[in-house]
Amino acid sequence: MKLSKEQIAKIEETLVLNGVVYDDIKLELIDHIASEIENNLGKNDILFDAAFYHAFENWKQQLRPKSSIWIGTKNVAPRIVINKIILSSKKLFLRALFFVIIATIVLTALVRNFNNELALENIRKLLRVVFILELLFVLVCKFLIWKSKSVTSYGLIYKKLNIFSLGLLLIFLGIGIMPLLPTKADLGINLASNFFASIYFILPLFYIKIAFNHFQFERKFAKV
């Protein structure tokens, strides 16, 4: 039995009252809870209100308030919301770390087998220009997310992750110590410096990816 628009609206209203304010997670939960209610109405001879109450009882533990240092202890939200945000953040972090490690290996191999200091200085300048362009894009995305009418978990992750780290990278850029790419150093120093140079270059790309997820959902949400 398909639920009416009014019944779907009641599910959404109850989720919002329980703190589920992020549109992407809210739509996912509405779909799950509505399916559960529809199954109960189809299998059992019960009214919507009873099926509604039973479904939310099943989700009671997942809707309990929770906070996490991962996104800031001031951000209290239902357990399922916090867990999904933490999981998404960790996946992005691990993916970024993987690409940083690959870039570190490539840069180290390049630097240790390349003795042309002028060419390396040009690579440093190129990385700085690329970072500035990435930073400008990140700031534009930040403004667009701030102006966006959609409230998503991606938007929250974006706001929480980029303030400190991008500020630190800007300081390094300003005093001219990034990227280093030293040529006359042992392997350990090469790996360490190139690791930080890779973070410097790749980190903003993952902020842009998070922003893209937000805008992608926003377009999809606008069609619903």
N, C-alpha and C. Protein backbone atom coordinates (compact mmCIF):
# COMPACT_ATOMS: atom_id res chain seq x y z
N MET A 1 0.85 -1.20 0.00
CA MET A 1 0.00 0.00 0.00
C MET A 1 0.88 1.25 0.00
N LYS A 2 0.70 2.11 -0.99
CA LYS A 2 1.49 3.33 -1.10
C LYS A 2 0.96 4.39 -0.15
N LEU A 3 1.89 5.11 0.48
CA LEU A 3 1.50 6.17 1.41
C LEU A 3 1.13 7.43 0.63
N SER A 4 0.25 8.23 1.21
CA SER A 4 -0.16 9.49 0.59
C SER A 4 0.90 10.56 0.86
N LYS A 5 0.78 11.69 0.16
CA LYS A 5 1.71 12.80 0.37
C LYS A 5 1.62 13.32 1.80
N GLU A 6 0.42 13.33 2.36
CA GLU A 6 0.22 13.80 3.73
C GLU A 6 0.92 12.86 4.72
N GLN A 7 0.86 11.56 4.48
CA GLN A 7 1.51 10.60 5.36
C GLN A 7 3.04 10.70 5.25
N ILE A 8 3.54 10.90 4.04
CA ILE A 8 4.98 11.10 3.85
C ILE A 8 5.42 12.38 4.57
N ALA A 9 4.58 13.43 4.47
CA ALA A 9 4.90 14.70 5.13
C ALA A 9 4.96 14.53 6.64
N LYS A 10 4.11 13.66 7.18
CA LYS A 10 4.12 13.41 8.63
C LYS A 10 5.43 12.72 9.04
N ILE A 11 5.90 11.80 8.21
CA ILE A 11 7.19 11.14 8.50
C ILE A 11 8.31 12.17 8.49
N GLU A 12 8.31 13.04 7.48
CA GLU A 12 9.35 14.07 7.38
C GLU A 12 9.30 15.01 8.57
N GLU A 13 8.11 15.43 8.94
CA GLU A 13 7.95 16.35 10.07
C GLU A 13 8.48 15.71 11.36
N THR A 14 8.20 14.44 11.56
CA THR A 14 8.65 13.75 12.77
C THR A 14 10.17 13.62 12.78
N LEU A 15 10.77 13.35 11.63
CA LEU A 15 12.23 13.26 11.53
C LEU A 15 12.87 14.61 11.86
N VAL A 16 12.31 15.69 11.34
CA VAL A 16 12.85 17.02 11.62
C VAL A 16 12.74 17.33 13.11
N LEU A 17 11.61 16.97 13.72
CA LEU A 17 11.44 17.18 15.16
C LEU A 17 12.46 16.38 15.98
N ASN A 18 12.94 15.28 15.40
CA ASN A 18 13.96 14.47 16.07
C ASN A 18 15.37 14.88 15.69
N GLY A 19 15.51 15.98 14.95
CA GLY A 19 16.83 16.52 14.66
C GLY A 19 17.44 16.12 13.33
N VAL A 20 16.68 15.43 12.49
CA VAL A 20 17.19 15.04 11.17
C VAL A 20 16.93 16.20 10.20
N VAL A 21 17.88 17.13 10.13
CA VAL A 21 17.70 18.35 9.34
C VAL A 21 18.50 18.33 8.04
N TYR A 22 19.36 17.35 7.87
CA TYR A 22 20.18 17.28 6.65
C TYR A 22 19.38 16.57 5.55
N ASP A 23 19.14 17.29 4.46
CA ASP A 23 18.20 16.83 3.44
C ASP A 23 18.58 15.48 2.84
N ASP A 24 19.88 15.25 2.61
CA ASP A 24 20.29 13.99 1.98
C ASP A 24 19.99 12.79 2.87
N ILE A 25 20.30 12.92 4.16
CA ILE A 25 20.04 11.83 5.11
C ILE A 25 18.55 11.72 5.38
N LYS A 26 17.86 12.86 5.44
CA LYS A 26 16.42 12.86 5.70
C LYS A 26 15.66 12.11 4.61
N LEU A 27 16.01 12.36 3.34
CA LEU A 27 15.33 11.68 2.24
C LEU A 27 15.57 10.17 2.29
N GLU A 28 16.79 9.79 2.65
CA GLU A 28 17.12 8.37 2.76
C GLU A 28 16.29 7.71 3.85
N LEU A 29 16.17 8.38 5.01
CA LEU A 29 15.40 7.82 6.13
C LEU A 29 13.90 7.79 5.82
N ILE A 30 13.40 8.83 5.14
CA ILE A 30 11.98 8.83 4.75
C ILE A 30 11.68 7.61 3.90
N ASP A 31 12.57 7.31 2.96
CA ASP A 31 12.38 6.16 2.08
C ASP A 31 12.34 4.85 2.86
N HIS A 32 13.28 4.69 3.82
CA HIS A 32 13.35 3.47 4.62
C HIS A 32 12.10 3.31 5.51
N ILE A 33 11.75 4.40 6.20
CA ILE A 33 10.62 4.35 7.14
C ILE A 33 9.30 4.17 6.39
N ALA A 34 9.15 4.88 5.27
CA ALA A 34 7.92 4.74 4.47
C ALA A 34 7.77 3.30 3.97
N SER A 35 8.87 2.69 3.53
CA SER A 35 8.82 1.30 3.06
C SER A 35 8.42 0.36 4.19
N GLU A 36 8.95 0.63 5.38
CA GLU A 36 8.63 -0.21 6.54
C GLU A 36 7.14 -0.09 6.89
N ILE A 37 6.62 1.13 6.85
CA ILE A 37 5.19 1.35 7.16
C ILE A 37 4.32 0.68 6.09
N GLU A 38 4.70 0.83 4.83
CA GLU A 38 3.93 0.22 3.74
C GLU A 38 3.89 -1.30 3.85
N ASN A 39 5.01 -1.90 4.24
CA ASN A 39 5.06 -3.35 4.43
C ASN A 39 4.13 -3.79 5.56
N ASN A 40 4.13 -3.02 6.65
CA ASN A 40 3.26 -3.35 7.78
C ASN A 40 1.79 -3.21 7.42
N LEU A 41 1.48 -2.17 6.64
CA LEU A 41 0.09 -1.97 6.23
C LEU A 41 -0.36 -3.07 5.27
N GLY A 42 0.58 -3.58 4.47
CA GLY A 42 0.24 -4.61 3.51
C GLY A 42 0.08 -5.98 4.14
N LYS A 43 0.92 -6.27 5.15
CA LYS A 43 0.91 -7.60 5.77
C LYS A 43 -0.07 -7.71 6.92
N ASN A 44 -0.26 -6.61 7.63
CA ASN A 44 -1.10 -6.64 8.84
C ASN A 44 -2.31 -5.72 8.66
N ASP A 45 -3.38 -6.11 9.24
CA ASP A 45 -4.62 -5.33 9.16
C ASP A 45 -4.61 -4.26 10.24
N ILE A 46 -3.73 -3.24 10.03
CA ILE A 46 -3.60 -2.16 11.01
C ILE A 46 -3.72 -0.81 10.30
N LEU A 47 -4.00 0.21 11.10
CA LEU A 47 -4.14 1.56 10.56
C LEU A 47 -2.76 2.22 10.44
N PHE A 48 -2.72 3.33 9.68
CA PHE A 48 -1.46 4.03 9.44
C PHE A 48 -0.82 4.49 10.75
N ASP A 49 -1.61 5.05 11.67
CA ASP A 49 -1.04 5.58 12.91
C ASP A 49 -0.32 4.49 13.71
N ALA A 50 -0.88 3.29 13.74
CA ALA A 50 -0.24 2.19 14.47
C ALA A 50 1.05 1.76 13.77
N ALA A 51 1.01 1.68 12.45
CA ALA A 51 2.20 1.30 11.69
C ALA A 51 3.28 2.39 11.81
N PHE A 52 2.84 3.64 11.82
CA PHE A 52 3.75 4.78 11.97
C PHE A 52 4.46 4.71 13.33
N TYR A 53 3.70 4.50 14.38
CA TYR A 53 4.26 4.41 15.74
C TYR A 53 5.24 3.23 15.84
N HIS A 54 4.87 2.11 15.28
CA HIS A 54 5.72 0.91 15.33
C HIS A 54 7.04 1.14 14.59
N ALA A 55 6.98 1.80 13.43
CA ALA A 55 8.19 2.07 12.64
C ALA A 55 9.14 2.98 13.39
N PHE A 56 8.60 4.04 14.00
CA PHE A 56 9.48 4.97 14.72
C PHE A 56 10.02 4.36 16.01
N GLU A 57 9.29 3.41 16.60
CA GLU A 57 9.83 2.68 17.74
C GLU A 57 11.05 1.87 17.32
N ASN A 58 11.01 1.30 16.11
CA ASN A 58 12.15 0.54 15.60
C ASN A 58 13.37 1.43 15.35
N TRP A 59 13.12 2.69 15.04
CA TRP A 59 14.21 3.63 14.75
C TRP A 59 14.58 4.48 15.97
N LYS A 60 13.99 4.17 17.11
CA LYS A 60 14.16 5.02 18.30
C LYS A 60 15.62 5.17 18.70
N GLN A 61 16.35 4.06 18.76
CA GLN A 61 17.76 4.10 19.17
C GLN A 61 18.59 4.92 18.18
N GLN A 62 18.30 4.77 16.89
CA GLN A 62 19.06 5.49 15.88
C GLN A 62 18.79 6.99 15.88
N LEU A 63 17.66 7.39 16.44
CA LEU A 63 17.29 8.81 16.48
C LEU A 63 17.65 9.49 17.79
N ARG A 64 18.30 8.75 18.70
CA ARG A 64 18.74 9.36 19.96
C ARG A 64 19.85 10.39 19.70
N PRO A 65 19.86 11.52 20.44
CA PRO A 65 20.88 12.56 20.22
C PRO A 65 22.29 12.05 20.52
N LYS A 66 23.23 12.55 19.73
CA LYS A 66 24.63 12.16 19.88
C LYS A 66 25.51 13.30 19.37
N SER A 67 26.72 13.39 19.89
CA SER A 67 27.69 14.36 19.38
C SER A 67 29.01 13.64 19.14
N SER A 68 29.93 14.29 18.45
CA SER A 68 31.21 13.67 18.15
C SER A 68 32.27 14.75 17.96
N ILE A 69 33.47 14.49 18.47
CA ILE A 69 34.57 15.44 18.26
C ILE A 69 34.97 15.50 16.79
N TRP A 70 34.56 14.49 16.02
CA TRP A 70 34.90 14.45 14.60
C TRP A 70 34.33 15.64 13.85
N ILE A 71 33.13 16.09 14.26
CA ILE A 71 32.50 17.24 13.60
C ILE A 71 32.24 18.38 14.58
N GLY A 72 32.75 18.24 15.81
CA GLY A 72 32.53 19.28 16.82
C GLY A 72 31.46 18.87 17.81
N THR A 73 31.79 18.92 19.09
CA THR A 73 30.85 18.46 20.12
C THR A 73 29.61 19.34 20.24
N LYS A 74 29.65 20.53 19.67
CA LYS A 74 28.48 21.41 19.70
C LYS A 74 27.40 20.95 18.71
N ASN A 75 27.79 20.14 17.76
CA ASN A 75 26.83 19.65 16.75
C ASN A 75 26.16 18.37 17.26
N VAL A 76 25.02 18.53 17.90
CA VAL A 76 24.25 17.40 18.41
C VAL A 76 23.20 17.02 17.36
N ALA A 77 23.16 15.74 17.03
CA ALA A 77 22.22 15.25 16.02
C ALA A 77 21.88 13.81 16.35
N PRO A 78 20.85 13.25 15.71
CA PRO A 78 20.54 11.84 15.93
C PRO A 78 21.74 10.94 15.65
N ARG A 79 21.80 9.82 16.36
CA ARG A 79 22.93 8.89 16.24
C ARG A 79 23.19 8.50 14.77
N ILE A 80 22.12 8.19 14.03
CA ILE A 80 22.30 7.74 12.66
C ILE A 80 22.90 8.83 11.78
N VAL A 81 22.57 10.09 12.06
CA VAL A 81 23.11 11.21 11.29
C VAL A 81 24.60 11.36 11.58
N ILE A 82 24.96 11.36 12.86
CA ILE A 82 26.37 11.50 13.24
C ILE A 82 27.20 10.35 12.66
N ASN A 83 26.68 9.13 12.78
CA ASN A 83 27.42 7.96 12.28
C ASN A 83 27.64 8.03 10.77
N LYS A 84 26.61 8.48 10.04
CA LYS A 84 26.75 8.59 8.58
C LYS A 84 27.76 9.67 8.21
N ILE A 85 27.75 10.79 8.92
CA ILE A 85 28.70 11.87 8.64
C ILE A 85 30.13 11.41 8.95
N ILE A 86 30.31 10.72 10.07
CA ILE A 86 31.64 10.22 10.43
C ILE A 86 32.13 9.22 9.39
N LEU A 87 31.25 8.32 8.96
CA LEU A 87 31.63 7.32 7.96
C LEU A 87 32.03 7.99 6.65
N SER A 88 31.24 8.97 6.20
CA SER A 88 31.55 9.68 4.96
C SER A 88 32.88 10.42 5.08
N SER A 89 33.12 11.07 6.24
CA SER A 89 34.35 11.81 6.46
C SER A 89 35.55 10.89 6.44
N LYS A 90 35.44 9.73 7.09
CA LYS A 90 36.56 8.80 7.14
C LYS A 90 36.87 8.23 5.76
N LYS A 91 35.83 7.94 4.98
CA LYS A 91 36.05 7.43 3.62
C LYS A 91 36.80 8.46 2.78
N LEU A 92 36.39 9.73 2.88
CA LEU A 92 37.06 10.79 2.14
C LEU A 92 38.50 10.96 2.60
N PHE A 93 38.72 10.87 3.91
CA PHE A 93 40.07 11.02 4.46
C PHE A 93 40.98 9.90 3.97
N LEU A 94 40.50 8.66 4.00
CA LEU A 94 41.31 7.53 3.57
C LEU A 94 41.60 7.60 2.07
N ARG A 95 40.60 8.05 1.30
CA ARG A 95 40.80 8.18 -0.15
C ARG A 95 41.85 9.25 -0.44
N ALA A 96 41.75 10.38 0.29
CA ALA A 96 42.73 11.45 0.11
C ALA A 96 44.12 10.97 0.51
N LEU A 97 44.21 10.22 1.61
CA LEU A 97 45.51 9.71 2.06
C LEU A 97 46.12 8.79 1.02
N PHE A 98 45.29 7.96 0.39
CA PHE A 98 45.79 7.06 -0.65
C PHE A 98 46.43 7.85 -1.79
N PHE A 99 45.74 8.89 -2.27
CA PHE A 99 46.27 9.69 -3.36
C PHE A 99 47.51 10.49 -2.94
N VAL A 100 47.54 10.92 -1.68
CA VAL A 100 48.72 11.62 -1.17
C VAL A 100 49.94 10.70 -1.19
N ILE A 101 49.75 9.45 -0.77
CA ILE A 101 50.86 8.49 -0.76
C ILE A 101 51.36 8.23 -2.18
N ILE A 102 50.43 8.04 -3.13
CA ILE A 102 50.81 7.83 -4.52
C ILE A 102 51.59 9.04 -5.05
N ALA A 103 51.08 10.24 -4.79
CA ALA A 103 51.74 11.46 -5.26
C ALA A 103 53.11 11.62 -4.61
N THR A 104 53.23 11.23 -3.33
CA THR A 104 54.52 11.29 -2.63
C THR A 104 55.56 10.42 -3.31
N ILE A 105 55.16 9.21 -3.66
CA ILE A 105 56.08 8.28 -4.32
C ILE A 105 56.51 8.83 -5.68
N VAL A 106 55.55 9.36 -6.44
CA VAL A 106 55.86 9.89 -7.77
C VAL A 106 56.79 11.10 -7.67
N LEU A 107 56.48 12.03 -6.75
CA LEU A 107 57.31 13.21 -6.57
C LEU A 107 58.73 12.84 -6.12
N THR A 108 58.83 11.88 -5.21
CA THR A 108 60.14 11.46 -4.71
C THR A 108 60.98 10.85 -5.83
N ALA A 109 60.36 10.01 -6.63
CA ALA A 109 61.07 9.41 -7.76
C ALA A 109 61.51 10.49 -8.75
N LEU A 110 60.65 11.49 -8.98
CA LEU A 110 60.97 12.57 -9.90
C LEU A 110 62.14 13.41 -9.39
N VAL A 111 62.06 13.81 -8.11
CA VAL A 111 63.07 14.68 -7.53
C VAL A 111 64.43 14.00 -7.45
N ARG A 112 64.45 12.74 -7.04
CA ARG A 112 65.73 12.04 -6.84
C ARG A 112 66.41 11.67 -8.16
N ASN A 113 65.65 11.68 -9.25
CA ASN A 113 66.24 11.34 -10.55
C ASN A 113 66.28 12.55 -11.49
N PHE A 114 66.13 13.73 -10.89
CA PHE A 114 66.08 14.94 -11.70
C PHE A 114 66.99 15.98 -11.07
N ASN A 115 68.07 16.33 -11.73
CA ASN A 115 69.08 17.21 -11.14
C ASN A 115 68.99 18.65 -11.63
N ASN A 116 67.99 18.95 -12.43
CA ASN A 116 67.84 20.29 -12.98
C ASN A 116 67.09 21.17 -11.98
N GLU A 117 67.83 21.99 -11.22
CA GLU A 117 67.22 22.81 -10.17
C GLU A 117 66.25 23.83 -10.74
N LEU A 118 66.57 24.37 -11.92
CA LEU A 118 65.68 25.35 -12.54
C LEU A 118 64.32 24.73 -12.86
N ALA A 119 64.36 23.50 -13.40
CA ALA A 119 63.11 22.82 -13.71
C ALA A 119 62.31 22.53 -12.44
N LEU A 120 63.00 22.14 -11.36
CA LEU A 120 62.31 21.87 -10.09
C LEU A 120 61.70 23.13 -9.51
N GLU A 121 62.39 24.25 -9.67
CA GLU A 121 61.84 25.52 -9.19
C GLU A 121 60.58 25.87 -9.97
N ASN A 122 60.57 25.56 -11.26
CA ASN A 122 59.36 25.80 -12.06
C ASN A 122 58.21 24.90 -11.59
N ILE A 123 58.54 23.66 -11.19
CA ILE A 123 57.51 22.76 -10.66
C ILE A 123 56.95 23.32 -9.36
N ARG A 124 57.84 23.86 -8.51
CA ARG A 124 57.38 24.48 -7.25
C ARG A 124 56.42 25.63 -7.54
N LYS A 125 56.80 26.48 -8.50
CA LYS A 125 55.95 27.62 -8.86
C LYS A 125 54.61 27.15 -9.41
N LEU A 126 54.66 26.09 -10.23
CA LEU A 126 53.42 25.54 -10.79
C LEU A 126 52.50 25.03 -9.69
N LEU A 127 53.08 24.31 -8.71
CA LEU A 127 52.27 23.80 -7.60
C LEU A 127 51.64 24.94 -6.80
N ARG A 128 52.40 26.02 -6.62
CA ARG A 128 51.85 27.18 -5.88
C ARG A 128 50.70 27.80 -6.64
N VAL A 129 50.85 27.94 -7.97
CA VAL A 129 49.78 28.52 -8.79
C VAL A 129 48.55 27.62 -8.75
N VAL A 130 48.76 26.31 -8.89
CA VAL A 130 47.65 25.36 -8.84
C VAL A 130 46.93 25.45 -7.50
N PHE A 131 47.71 25.53 -6.41
CA PHE A 131 47.09 25.62 -5.09
C PHE A 131 46.26 26.89 -4.95
N ILE A 132 46.77 28.02 -5.46
CA ILE A 132 46.02 29.28 -5.37
C ILE A 132 44.70 29.16 -6.14
N LEU A 133 44.75 28.54 -7.32
CA LEU A 133 43.52 28.34 -8.10
C LEU A 133 42.55 27.42 -7.37
N GLU A 134 43.09 26.34 -6.77
CA GLU A 134 42.25 25.43 -5.98
C GLU A 134 41.63 26.17 -4.80
N LEU A 135 42.44 27.01 -4.14
CA LEU A 135 41.94 27.75 -2.98
C LEU A 135 40.82 28.69 -3.38
N LEU A 136 40.97 29.37 -4.50
CA LEU A 136 39.92 30.27 -4.97
C LEU A 136 38.63 29.49 -5.24
N PHE A 137 38.78 28.31 -5.83
CA PHE A 137 37.62 27.47 -6.11
C PHE A 137 36.97 27.01 -4.81
N VAL A 138 37.79 26.67 -3.82
CA VAL A 138 37.28 26.24 -2.52
C VAL A 138 36.49 27.37 -1.86
N LEU A 139 37.01 28.59 -1.95
CA LEU A 139 36.33 29.74 -1.34
C LEU A 139 35.01 30.05 -2.06
N VAL A 140 35.01 29.92 -3.38
CA VAL A 140 33.77 30.11 -4.14
C VAL A 140 32.73 29.07 -3.72
N CYS A 141 33.18 27.81 -3.60
CA CYS A 141 32.27 26.73 -3.17
C CYS A 141 31.74 27.01 -1.77
N LYS A 142 32.61 27.52 -0.92
CA LYS A 142 32.20 27.83 0.45
C LYS A 142 31.08 28.88 0.45
N PHE A 143 31.24 29.89 -0.38
CA PHE A 143 30.22 30.94 -0.48
C PHE A 143 28.91 30.37 -1.03
N LEU A 144 29.02 29.53 -2.08
CA LEU A 144 27.82 28.96 -2.69
C LEU A 144 27.08 28.02 -1.73
N ILE A 145 27.84 27.25 -0.93
CA ILE A 145 27.21 26.38 0.07
C ILE A 145 26.53 27.22 1.14
N TRP A 146 27.18 28.32 1.54
CA TRP A 146 26.59 29.23 2.53
C TRP A 146 25.27 29.82 2.02
N LYS A 147 25.21 30.11 0.70
CA LYS A 147 24.00 30.69 0.11
C LYS A 147 22.96 29.62 -0.25
N SER A 148 23.38 28.37 -0.26
CA SER A 148 22.50 27.28 -0.71
C SER A 148 21.29 27.12 0.21
N LYS A 149 20.16 26.80 -0.39
CA LYS A 149 18.95 26.55 0.39
C LYS A 149 18.91 25.13 0.93
N SER A 150 19.72 24.25 0.35
CA SER A 150 19.77 22.85 0.81
C SER A 150 20.73 22.72 1.98
N VAL A 151 20.31 21.99 2.99
CA VAL A 151 21.17 21.69 4.14
C VAL A 151 21.54 20.22 4.05
N THR A 152 22.81 19.94 3.77
CA THR A 152 23.24 18.55 3.60
C THR A 152 24.37 18.20 4.54
N SER A 153 24.57 16.90 4.73
CA SER A 153 25.70 16.44 5.54
C SER A 153 27.02 16.79 4.86
N TYR A 154 27.03 16.84 3.52
CA TYR A 154 28.24 17.23 2.79
C TYR A 154 28.61 18.68 3.11
N GLY A 155 27.59 19.54 3.20
CA GLY A 155 27.84 20.93 3.54
C GLY A 155 28.45 21.06 4.93
N LEU A 156 27.97 20.25 5.88
CA LEU A 156 28.52 20.29 7.24
C LEU A 156 29.97 19.82 7.24
N ILE A 157 30.25 18.71 6.55
CA ILE A 157 31.62 18.20 6.47
C ILE A 157 32.53 19.26 5.85
N TYR A 158 32.07 19.89 4.80
CA TYR A 158 32.86 20.91 4.11
C TYR A 158 33.22 22.06 5.04
N LYS A 159 32.22 22.54 5.78
CA LYS A 159 32.45 23.67 6.68
C LYS A 159 33.41 23.31 7.81
N LYS A 160 33.32 22.09 8.32
CA LYS A 160 34.13 21.68 9.46
C LYS A 160 35.58 21.37 9.09
N LEU A 161 35.80 20.86 7.88
CA LEU A 161 37.14 20.39 7.53
C LEU A 161 38.07 21.48 7.03
N ASN A 162 37.57 22.49 6.35
CA ASN A 162 38.50 23.32 5.58
C ASN A 162 39.00 24.57 6.27
N ILE A 163 38.51 24.91 7.45
CA ILE A 163 38.89 26.17 8.08
C ILE A 163 40.34 26.15 8.55
N PHE A 164 40.68 25.17 9.41
CA PHE A 164 42.02 25.13 9.98
C PHE A 164 43.06 24.71 8.96
N SER A 165 42.79 23.63 8.23
CA SER A 165 43.80 23.06 7.34
C SER A 165 44.16 24.00 6.20
N LEU A 166 43.16 24.66 5.61
CA LEU A 166 43.45 25.58 4.53
C LEU A 166 44.17 26.82 5.05
N GLY A 167 43.84 27.24 6.25
CA GLY A 167 44.55 28.37 6.87
C GLY A 167 46.02 28.05 7.07
N LEU A 168 46.30 26.82 7.51
CA LEU A 168 47.68 26.38 7.70
C LEU A 168 48.43 26.34 6.38
N LEU A 169 47.78 25.82 5.35
CA LEU A 169 48.42 25.76 4.03
C LEU A 169 48.68 27.16 3.48
N LEU A 170 47.79 28.10 3.76
CA LEU A 170 47.99 29.48 3.33
C LEU A 170 49.20 30.10 4.00
N ILE A 171 49.38 29.80 5.29
CA ILE A 171 50.55 30.31 6.02
C ILE A 171 51.83 29.77 5.39
N PHE A 172 51.84 28.45 5.12
CA PHE A 172 53.01 27.84 4.49
C PHE A 172 53.29 28.48 3.13
N LEU A 173 52.22 28.75 2.38
CA LEU A 173 52.37 29.38 1.07
C LEU A 173 52.94 30.78 1.23
N GLY A 174 52.43 31.52 2.21
CA GLY A 174 52.85 32.91 2.40
C GLY A 174 54.31 33.07 2.78
N ILE A 175 54.81 32.15 3.59
CA ILE A 175 56.21 32.26 4.01
C ILE A 175 57.15 31.48 3.09
N GLY A 176 56.56 30.88 2.05
CA GLY A 176 57.37 30.28 0.99
C GLY A 176 58.04 28.97 1.30
N ILE A 177 57.54 28.21 2.28
CA ILE A 177 58.19 26.94 2.61
C ILE A 177 57.49 25.73 1.99
N MET A 178 56.42 25.98 1.25
CA MET A 178 55.73 24.87 0.58
C MET A 178 55.53 25.21 -0.89
N PRO A 179 55.71 24.25 -1.76
CA PRO A 179 56.27 22.92 -1.52
C PRO A 179 57.79 22.97 -1.52
N LEU A 180 58.44 22.12 -0.74
CA LEU A 180 59.90 22.14 -0.61
C LEU A 180 60.58 21.47 -1.80
N LEU A 181 60.26 20.18 -2.03
CA LEU A 181 60.88 19.39 -3.09
C LEU A 181 62.40 19.48 -3.06
N PRO A 182 63.04 19.14 -1.91
CA PRO A 182 64.51 19.23 -1.84
C PRO A 182 65.17 18.18 -2.74
N THR A 183 66.28 18.57 -3.34
CA THR A 183 66.98 17.64 -4.23
C THR A 183 68.16 16.97 -3.54
N LYS A 184 68.87 17.71 -2.68
CA LYS A 184 70.06 17.18 -2.02
C LYS A 184 69.72 16.77 -0.60
N ALA A 185 69.07 15.64 -0.48
CA ALA A 185 68.65 15.15 0.84
C ALA A 185 68.56 13.64 0.78
N ASP A 186 68.54 13.02 2.00
CA ASP A 186 68.40 11.57 2.00
C ASP A 186 66.95 11.19 1.72
N LEU A 187 66.72 9.90 1.56
CA LEU A 187 65.40 9.42 1.15
C LEU A 187 64.31 9.81 2.15
N GLY A 188 64.63 9.73 3.46
CA GLY A 188 63.64 10.04 4.49
C GLY A 188 63.16 11.48 4.40
N ILE A 189 64.11 12.40 4.20
CA ILE A 189 63.75 13.83 4.08
C ILE A 189 62.95 14.05 2.81
N ASN A 190 63.37 13.40 1.72
CA ASN A 190 62.61 13.52 0.47
C ASN A 190 61.17 13.07 0.64
N LEU A 191 60.99 11.90 1.26
CA LEU A 191 59.64 11.36 1.43
C LEU A 191 58.79 12.28 2.30
N ALA A 192 59.38 12.78 3.41
CA ALA A 192 58.62 13.64 4.32
C ALA A 192 58.21 14.94 3.64
N SER A 193 59.14 15.58 2.95
CA SER A 193 58.83 16.87 2.31
C SER A 193 57.83 16.69 1.17
N ASN A 194 58.00 15.62 0.42
CA ASN A 194 57.09 15.38 -0.69
C ASN A 194 55.71 14.95 -0.22
N PHE A 195 55.66 14.30 0.96
CA PHE A 195 54.36 13.96 1.55
C PHE A 195 53.57 15.22 1.86
N PHE A 196 54.24 16.20 2.48
CA PHE A 196 53.56 17.46 2.80
C PHE A 196 53.23 18.25 1.54
N ALA A 197 54.11 18.17 0.55
CA ALA A 197 53.82 18.85 -0.72
C ALA A 197 52.59 18.24 -1.38
N SER A 198 52.43 16.93 -1.27
CA SER A 198 51.27 16.25 -1.85
C SER A 198 49.99 16.64 -1.12
N ILE A 199 50.06 16.74 0.21
CA ILE A 199 48.90 17.20 0.98
C ILE A 199 48.51 18.60 0.51
N TYR A 200 49.51 19.43 0.37
CA TYR A 200 49.35 20.82 -0.06
C TYR A 200 48.58 20.91 -1.37
N PHE A 201 48.84 19.96 -2.27
CA PHE A 201 48.24 19.99 -3.61
C PHE A 201 46.90 19.26 -3.67
N ILE A 202 46.79 18.11 -2.96
CA ILE A 202 45.64 17.22 -3.12
C ILE A 202 44.49 17.57 -2.17
N LEU A 203 44.79 18.06 -0.97
CA LEU A 203 43.74 18.33 0.02
C LEU A 203 42.62 19.22 -0.52
N PRO A 204 42.95 20.35 -1.16
CA PRO A 204 41.86 21.19 -1.68
C PRO A 204 40.99 20.47 -2.71
N LEU A 205 41.57 19.52 -3.45
CA LEU A 205 40.77 18.78 -4.44
C LEU A 205 39.66 17.98 -3.77
N PHE A 206 39.94 17.47 -2.58
CA PHE A 206 38.93 16.69 -1.88
C PHE A 206 37.88 17.59 -1.23
N TYR A 207 38.26 18.81 -0.87
CA TYR A 207 37.24 19.76 -0.44
C TYR A 207 36.29 20.06 -1.60
N ILE A 208 36.86 20.23 -2.79
CA ILE A 208 36.04 20.49 -3.97
C ILE A 208 35.12 19.31 -4.26
N LYS A 209 35.63 18.08 -4.05
CA LYS A 209 34.80 16.88 -4.26
C LYS A 209 33.62 16.87 -3.29
N ILE A 210 33.84 17.24 -2.03
CA ILE A 210 32.75 17.30 -1.04
C ILE A 210 31.71 18.34 -1.47
N ALA A 211 32.20 19.50 -1.93
CA ALA A 211 31.28 20.54 -2.40
C ALA A 211 30.49 20.05 -3.60
N PHE A 212 31.14 19.32 -4.51
CA PHE A 212 30.45 18.77 -5.68
C PHE A 212 29.32 17.83 -5.25
N ASN A 213 29.57 17.00 -4.22
CA ASN A 213 28.52 16.10 -3.71
C ASN A 213 27.32 16.90 -3.21
N HIS A 214 27.60 18.03 -2.54
CA HIS A 214 26.52 18.88 -2.04
C HIS A 214 25.69 19.43 -3.21
N PHE A 215 26.39 19.99 -4.22
CA PHE A 215 25.68 20.59 -5.35
C PHE A 215 24.94 19.54 -6.17
N GLN A 216 25.53 18.35 -6.27
CA GLN A 216 24.88 17.26 -7.00
C GLN A 216 23.57 16.87 -6.33
N PHE A 217 23.60 16.77 -4.99
CA PHE A 217 22.36 16.46 -4.28
C PHE A 217 21.36 17.60 -4.41
N GLU A 218 21.84 18.83 -4.37
CA GLU A 218 20.96 20.00 -4.46
C GLU A 218 20.18 19.97 -5.78
N ARG A 219 20.86 19.64 -6.88
CA ARG A 219 20.19 19.55 -8.17
C ARG A 219 19.16 18.43 -8.19
N LYS A 220 19.54 17.29 -7.60
CA LYS A 220 18.63 16.15 -7.54
C LYS A 220 17.42 16.47 -6.65
N PHE A 221 17.67 17.14 -5.53
CA PHE A 221 16.62 17.51 -4.58
C PHE A 221 15.63 18.48 -5.21
N ALA A 222 16.14 19.36 -6.07
CA ALA A 222 15.28 20.37 -6.72
C ALA A 222 14.29 19.72 -7.67
N LYS A 223 14.59 18.51 -8.16
CA LYS A 223 13.72 17.81 -9.10
C LYS A 223 12.67 16.97 -8.39
N VAL A 224 12.85 16.77 -7.06
CA VAL A 224 11.92 15.92 -6.31
C VAL A 224 10.61 16.65 -6.10
